[in-house]
Amino acid sequence: MFSSLSSWWSPPTPAPTGEKYDPTNPKMNPLNPQGLKPCCACPETKSARDACFLQHGGEGGECAELLTKHVECMRSLGFQI
């Protein structure tokens, strides 16, 4: 009876043994059904982060919030950052 409920709280099924985890493979990573590669994922947060680093140089913490948003976006697609 509780087996179907416990599956809701379980993490996604890992890749079969012997195969390396590939976040771009929709069969291994249901969070990324389009199979986006890291370079193409989260373009909005990536461009804002890059513009901030180019403008402020990455020192002083001006870009910390944008960096955090980009990392959260990447993790939401199953990338291990």
C-alpha atoms as a PDB file:
ATOM      1  CA  MET A   1       0.000   0.000   0.000  1.00  0.00           C
ATOM      2  CA  PHE A   2       2.727   2.496   0.930  1.00  0.00           C
ATOM      3  CA  SER A   3       5.115   1.539  -1.853  1.00  0.00           C
ATOM      4  CA  SER A   4       3.452   3.937  -4.289  1.00  0.00           C
ATOM      5  CA  LEU A   5       3.540   6.782  -1.759  1.00  0.00           C
ATOM      6  CA  SER A   6       7.174   6.276  -0.847  1.00  0.00           C
ATOM      7  CA  SER A   7       8.159   6.580  -4.508  1.00  0.00           C
ATOM      8  CA  TRP A   8       7.017  10.213  -4.466  1.00  0.00           C
ATOM      9  CA  TRP A   9       9.730  11.092  -1.977  1.00  0.00           C
ATOM     10  CA  SER A  10      12.438   8.997  -3.544  1.00  0.00           C
ATOM     11  CA  PRO A  11      15.126  10.633  -5.646  1.00  0.00           C
ATOM     12  CA  PRO A  12      15.061   9.994  -9.401  1.00  0.00           C
ATOM     13  CA  THR A  13      16.211   6.563 -10.447  1.00  0.00           C
ATOM     14  CA  PRO A  14      19.981   6.589 -10.926  1.00  0.00           C
ATOM     15  CA  ALA A  15      21.610   5.428 -14.117  1.00  0.00           C
ATOM     16  CA  PRO A  16      22.005   1.681 -14.505  1.00  0.00           C
ATOM     17  CA  THR A  17      25.239   0.364 -13.078  1.00  0.00           C
ATOM     18  CA  GLY A  18      28.091   0.441 -15.525  1.00  0.00           C
ATOM     19  CA  GLU A  19      26.840   3.585 -17.244  1.00  0.00           C
ATOM     20  CA  LYS A  20      28.179   6.971 -16.229  1.00  0.00           C
ATOM     21  CA  TYR A  21      25.530   9.557 -15.305  1.00  0.00           C
ATOM     22  CA  ASP A  22      24.854  11.832 -18.260  1.00  0.00           C
ATOM     23  CA  PRO A  23      22.667  14.851 -17.393  1.00  0.00           C
ATOM     24  CA  THR A  24      22.039  15.477 -21.103  1.00  0.00           C
ATOM     25  CA  ASN A  25      20.425  12.048 -21.565  1.00  0.00           C
ATOM     26  CA  PRO A  26      16.660  12.395 -20.971  1.00  0.00           C
ATOM     27  CA  LYS A  27      16.424   8.697 -20.068  1.00  0.00           C
ATOM     28  CA  MET A  28      18.896   9.165 -17.197  1.00  0.00           C
ATOM     29  CA  ASN A  29      17.812  12.677 -16.258  1.00  0.00           C
ATOM     30  CA  PRO A  30      14.060  13.329 -16.347  1.00  0.00           C
ATOM     31  CA  LEU A  31      14.709  16.921 -15.173  1.00  0.00           C
ATOM     32  CA  ASN A  32      16.215  17.683 -18.591  1.00  0.00           C
ATOM     33  CA  PRO A  33      13.701  16.230 -21.091  1.00  0.00           C
ATOM     34  CA  GLN A  34      15.098  18.327 -23.969  1.00  0.00           C
ATOM     35  CA  GLY A  35      18.620  16.961 -23.477  1.00  0.00           C
ATOM     36  CA  LEU A  36      20.208  20.387 -23.135  1.00  0.00           C
ATOM     37  CA  LYS A  37      23.982  20.529 -22.780  1.00  0.00           C
ATOM     38  CA  PRO A  38      25.462  22.709 -20.007  1.00  0.00           C
ATOM     39  CA  CYS A  39      26.561  25.357 -22.500  1.00  0.00           C
ATOM     40  CA  CYS A  40      22.982  25.824 -23.745  1.00  0.00           C
ATOM     41  CA  ALA A  41      21.072  25.471 -20.473  1.00  0.00           C
ATOM     42  CA  CYS A  42      19.709  28.504 -18.598  1.00  0.00           C
ATOM     43  CA  PRO A  43      20.565  31.174 -21.201  1.00  0.00           C
ATOM     44  CA  GLU A  44      18.813  33.998 -19.312  1.00  0.00           C
ATOM     45  CA  THR A  45      20.739  33.541 -16.064  1.00  0.00           C
ATOM     46  CA  LYS A  46      23.948  32.731 -17.907  1.00  0.00           C
ATOM     47  CA  SER A  47      23.939  35.939 -19.956  1.00  0.00           C
ATOM     48  CA  ALA A  48      23.100  38.091 -16.907  1.00  0.00           C
ATOM     49  CA  ARG A  49      25.876  36.414 -14.909  1.00  0.00           C
ATOM     50  CA  ASP A  50      28.411  36.837 -17.711  1.00  0.00           C
ATOM     51  CA  ALA A  51      27.506  40.505 -18.237  1.00  0.00           C
ATOM     52  CA  CYS A  52      27.929  41.187 -14.530  1.00  0.00           C
ATOM     53  CA  PHE A  53      31.337  39.500 -14.437  1.00  0.00           C
ATOM     54  CA  LEU A  54      32.471  41.470 -17.480  1.00  0.00           C
ATOM     55  CA  GLN A  55      31.285  44.744 -15.969  1.00  0.00           C
ATOM     56  CA  HIS A  56      32.434  44.222 -12.369  1.00  0.00           C
ATOM     57  CA  GLY A  57      35.293  41.765 -12.780  1.00  0.00           C
ATOM     58  CA  GLY A  58      34.028  39.134 -10.327  1.00  0.00           C
ATOM     59  CA  GLU A  59      35.493  40.824  -7.250  1.00  0.00           C
ATOM     60  CA  GLY A  60      33.529  42.493  -4.503  1.00  0.00           C
ATOM     61  CA  GLY A  61      30.473  40.225  -4.602  1.00  0.00           C
ATOM     62  CA  GLU A  62      28.291  42.320  -6.947  1.00  0.00           C
ATOM     63  CA  CYS A  63      27.500  39.227  -8.999  1.00  0.00           C
ATOM     64  CA  ALA A  64      26.854  36.758  -6.160  1.00  0.00           C
ATOM     65  CA  GLU A  65      23.068  36.839  -6.512  1.00  0.00           C
ATOM     66  CA  LEU A  66      23.217  36.289 -10.285  1.00  0.00           C
ATOM     67  CA  LEU A  67      25.697  33.451  -9.825  1.00  0.00           C
ATOM     68  CA  THR A  68      23.430  31.802  -7.242  1.00  0.00           C
ATOM     69  CA  LYS A  69      20.425  32.040  -9.575  1.00  0.00           C
ATOM     70  CA  HIS A  70      22.396  30.465 -12.415  1.00  0.00           C
ATOM     71  CA  VAL A  71      23.618  27.590 -10.236  1.00  0.00           C
ATOM     72  CA  GLU A  72      20.050  26.965  -9.021  1.00  0.00           C
ATOM     73  CA  CYS A  73      18.805  26.914 -12.612  1.00  0.00           C
ATOM     74  CA  MET A  74      21.499  24.445 -13.662  1.00  0.00           C
ATOM     75  CA  ARG A  75      20.776  22.173 -10.692  1.00  0.00           C
ATOM     76  CA  SER A  76      17.045  22.278 -11.475  1.00  0.00           C
ATOM     77  CA  LEU A  77      17.935  20.689 -14.825  1.00  0.00           C
ATOM     78  CA  GLY A  78      19.905  17.930 -13.104  1.00  0.00           C
ATOM     79  CA  PHE A  79      23.429  19.212 -13.659  1.00  0.00           C
ATOM     80  CA  GLN A  80      25.767  18.469 -10.762  1.00  0.00           C
ATOM     81  CA  ILE A  81      27.464  21.782 -10.035  1.00  0.00           C
END
